[in-house]
């Protein structure tokens, strides 16, 4: 559970989980604080750092009360190893988000 204004993670932090939004709204922020995206129920985020094994490339902040599930990095790796189609799907999303 996150409250309005709470930071879920910050840019340059180690990527340790993939986040799934059950309810609520978040903003994805660039280094300069500009809004890159707004996400809501059903969205996920945090995948880029897990796929690339690099630090977070954005900050995510709750804009309302959020109920968010997370998949820790070790579990994410087990899932993507067991389900290569899922990993490919996540990689395609990473590619499209980087292009945007």
C-alpha atoms as a PDB file:
ATOM      1  CA  UNK A   1       0.000   0.000   0.000  1.00  0.00           C
ATOM      2  CA  UNK A   2       1.329   3.435  -0.953  1.00  0.00           C
ATOM      3  CA  UNK A   3      -0.148   6.809  -0.043  1.00  0.00           C
ATOM      4  CA  UNK A   4      -0.402   9.924  -2.241  1.00  0.00           C
ATOM      5  CA  UNK A   5       3.027  11.503  -2.786  1.00  0.00           C
ATOM      6  CA  UNK A   6       4.966   8.456  -1.568  1.00  0.00           C
ATOM      7  CA  UNK A   7       7.921   7.394  -3.687  1.00  0.00           C
ATOM      8  CA  UNK A   8       7.770   3.737  -4.663  1.00  0.00           C
ATOM      9  CA  UNK A   9      11.334   3.797  -5.945  1.00  0.00           C
ATOM     10  CA  UNK A  10      13.859   6.409  -7.022  1.00  0.00           C
ATOM     11  CA  UNK A  11      15.992   6.811 -10.091  1.00  0.00           C
ATOM     12  CA  UNK A  12      19.448   5.155  -9.780  1.00  0.00           C
ATOM     13  CA  UNK A  13      18.314   2.681  -7.093  1.00  0.00           C
ATOM     14  CA  UNK A  14      19.018  -0.987  -7.638  1.00  0.00           C
ATOM     15  CA  UNK A  15      16.149  -2.739  -9.433  1.00  0.00           C
ATOM     16  CA  UNK A  16      14.925  -5.376  -7.006  1.00  0.00           C
ATOM     17  CA  UNK A  17      11.297  -5.993  -8.025  1.00  0.00           C
ATOM     18  CA  UNK A  18       8.602  -5.776 -10.693  1.00  0.00           C
ATOM     19  CA  UNK A  19       5.467  -3.876  -9.556  1.00  0.00           C
ATOM     20  CA  UNK A  20       1.865  -4.706 -10.550  1.00  0.00           C
ATOM     21  CA  UNK A  21      -0.838  -2.112  -9.874  1.00  0.00           C
ATOM     22  CA  UNK A  22      -3.999  -3.555  -8.402  1.00  0.00           C
ATOM     23  CA  UNK A  23      -5.531  -0.132  -7.817  1.00  0.00           C
ATOM     24  CA  UNK A  24      -4.506   3.504  -7.724  1.00  0.00           C
ATOM     25  CA  UNK A  25      -2.403   5.824  -9.865  1.00  0.00           C
ATOM     26  CA  UNK A  26       1.311   6.572 -10.157  1.00  0.00           C
ATOM     27  CA  UNK A  27       3.522   8.950 -12.095  1.00  0.00           C
ATOM     28  CA  UNK A  28       6.797   7.908 -13.684  1.00  0.00           C
ATOM     29  CA  UNK A  29       9.287  10.776 -13.407  1.00  0.00           C
ATOM     30  CA  UNK A  30      12.472  11.587 -15.331  1.00  0.00           C
ATOM     31  CA  UNK A  31      15.647  12.789 -13.635  1.00  0.00           C
ATOM     32  CA  UNK A  32      14.524  16.421 -14.072  1.00  0.00           C
ATOM     33  CA  UNK A  33      11.163  15.674 -12.411  1.00  0.00           C
ATOM     34  CA  UNK A  34       9.134  15.806 -15.617  1.00  0.00           C
ATOM     35  CA  UNK A  35       6.351  13.248 -15.980  1.00  0.00           C
ATOM     36  CA  UNK A  36       7.207  10.444 -18.410  1.00  0.00           C
ATOM     37  CA  UNK A  37       4.005   8.463 -17.892  1.00  0.00           C
ATOM     38  CA  UNK A  38       0.938   8.050 -15.724  1.00  0.00           C
ATOM     39  CA  UNK A  39      -0.069   4.495 -14.861  1.00  0.00           C
ATOM     40  CA  UNK A  40      -3.163   3.042 -13.214  1.00  0.00           C
ATOM     41  CA  UNK A  41      -4.918  -0.206 -12.378  1.00  0.00           C
ATOM     42  CA  UNK A  42      -3.625  -3.162 -14.403  1.00  0.00           C
ATOM     43  CA  UNK A  43      -0.297  -1.548 -15.316  1.00  0.00           C
ATOM     44  CA  UNK A  44       3.118  -2.778 -14.277  1.00  0.00           C
ATOM     45  CA  UNK A  45       6.464  -1.050 -13.922  1.00  0.00           C
ATOM     46  CA  UNK A  46      10.024  -1.661 -12.789  1.00  0.00           C
ATOM     47  CA  UNK A  47      10.737  -4.197 -15.531  1.00  0.00           C
ATOM     48  CA  UNK A  48      13.504  -2.247 -17.247  1.00  0.00           C
ATOM     49  CA  UNK A  49      15.957  -2.515 -14.352  1.00  0.00           C
ATOM     50  CA  UNK A  50      15.248  -6.233 -13.972  1.00  0.00           C
ATOM     51  CA  UNK A  51      15.683  -7.087 -17.650  1.00  0.00           C
ATOM     52  CA  UNK A  52      18.816  -4.955 -18.090  1.00  0.00           C
ATOM     53  CA  UNK A  53      20.211  -5.632 -14.582  1.00  0.00           C
ATOM     54  CA  UNK A  54      20.915  -1.916 -14.260  1.00  0.00           C
ATOM     55  CA  UNK A  55      19.835   0.822 -11.826  1.00  0.00           C
ATOM     56  CA  UNK A  56      16.353   2.315 -12.049  1.00  0.00           C
ATOM     57  CA  UNK A  57      16.044   4.804 -14.912  1.00  0.00           C
ATOM     58  CA  UNK A  58      13.076   6.704 -13.422  1.00  0.00           C
ATOM     59  CA  UNK A  59      11.371   7.576 -10.167  1.00  0.00           C
ATOM     60  CA  UNK A  60       7.840   6.329  -9.520  1.00  0.00           C
ATOM     61  CA  UNK A  61       5.531   8.234  -7.186  1.00  0.00           C
ATOM     62  CA  UNK A  62       2.013   7.414  -6.021  1.00  0.00           C
ATOM     63  CA  UNK A  63      -0.524  10.101  -6.935  1.00  0.00           C
ATOM     64  CA  UNK A  64      -3.343   8.441  -5.032  1.00  0.00           C
ATOM     65  CA  UNK A  65      -3.734   5.541  -2.652  1.00  0.00           C
ATOM     66  CA  UNK A  66      -2.230   2.498  -4.384  1.00  0.00           C
ATOM     67  CA  UNK A  67      -2.500  -1.207  -3.795  1.00  0.00           C
ATOM     68  CA  UNK A  68       0.520  -2.715  -5.545  1.00  0.00           C
ATOM     69  CA  UNK A  69       1.836  -6.259  -5.721  1.00  0.00           C
ATOM     70  CA  UNK A  70       5.489  -6.897  -6.314  1.00  0.00           C
ATOM     71  CA  UNK A  71       7.529  -9.739  -7.702  1.00  0.00           C
ATOM     72  CA  UNK A  72      11.013  -9.832  -6.191  1.00  0.00           C
ATOM     73  CA  UNK A  73      13.983 -10.137  -8.562  1.00  0.00           C
ATOM     74  CA  UNK A  74      14.815 -13.758  -7.658  1.00  0.00           C
ATOM     75  CA  UNK A  75      11.195 -14.811  -8.240  1.00  0.00           C
ATOM     76  CA  UNK A  76      11.091 -12.786 -11.472  1.00  0.00           C
ATOM     77  CA  UNK A  77      14.176 -14.668 -12.703  1.00  0.00           C
ATOM     78  CA  UNK A  78      12.624 -18.045 -11.827  1.00  0.00           C
ATOM     79  CA  UNK A  79       9.404 -17.125 -13.656  1.00  0.00           C
ATOM     80  CA  UNK A  80      11.190 -15.836 -16.760  1.00  0.00           C
ATOM     81  CA  UNK A  81      13.426 -18.916 -16.868  1.00  0.00           C
ATOM     82  CA  UNK A  82      10.423 -21.220 -16.579  1.00  0.00           C
ATOM     83  CA  UNK A  83       8.302 -19.231 -19.060  1.00  0.00           C
ATOM     84  CA  UNK A  84      10.462 -17.896 -21.910  1.00  0.00           C
ATOM     85  CA  UNK A  85       7.413 -16.470 -23.722  1.00  0.00           C
ATOM     86  CA  UNK A  86       6.676 -14.292 -20.700  1.00  0.00           C
ATOM     87  CA  UNK A  87      10.293 -13.083 -20.686  1.00  0.00           C
ATOM     88  CA  UNK A  88      10.094 -12.294 -24.410  1.00  0.00           C
ATOM     89  CA  UNK A  89       6.868 -10.346 -23.843  1.00  0.00           C
ATOM     90  CA  UNK A  90       8.480  -8.288 -21.054  1.00  0.00           C
ATOM     91  CA  UNK A  91      11.545  -7.646 -23.246  1.00  0.00           C
ATOM     92  CA  UNK A  92       9.280  -6.390 -26.056  1.00  0.00           C
ATOM     93  CA  UNK A  93       7.604  -3.987 -23.648  1.00  0.00           C
ATOM     94  CA  UNK A  94      10.996  -2.765 -22.430  1.00  0.00           C
ATOM     95  CA  UNK A  95      12.034  -2.150 -26.040  1.00  0.00           C
ATOM     96  CA  UNK A  96       8.833  -0.228 -26.835  1.00  0.00           C
ATOM     97  CA  UNK A  97       9.107   1.896 -23.671  1.00  0.00           C
ATOM     98  CA  UNK A  98      12.718   2.780 -24.452  1.00  0.00           C
ATOM     99  CA  UNK A  99      11.699   3.824 -27.968  1.00  0.00           C
ATOM    100  CA  UNK A 100       8.948   6.129 -26.658  1.00  0.00           C
END
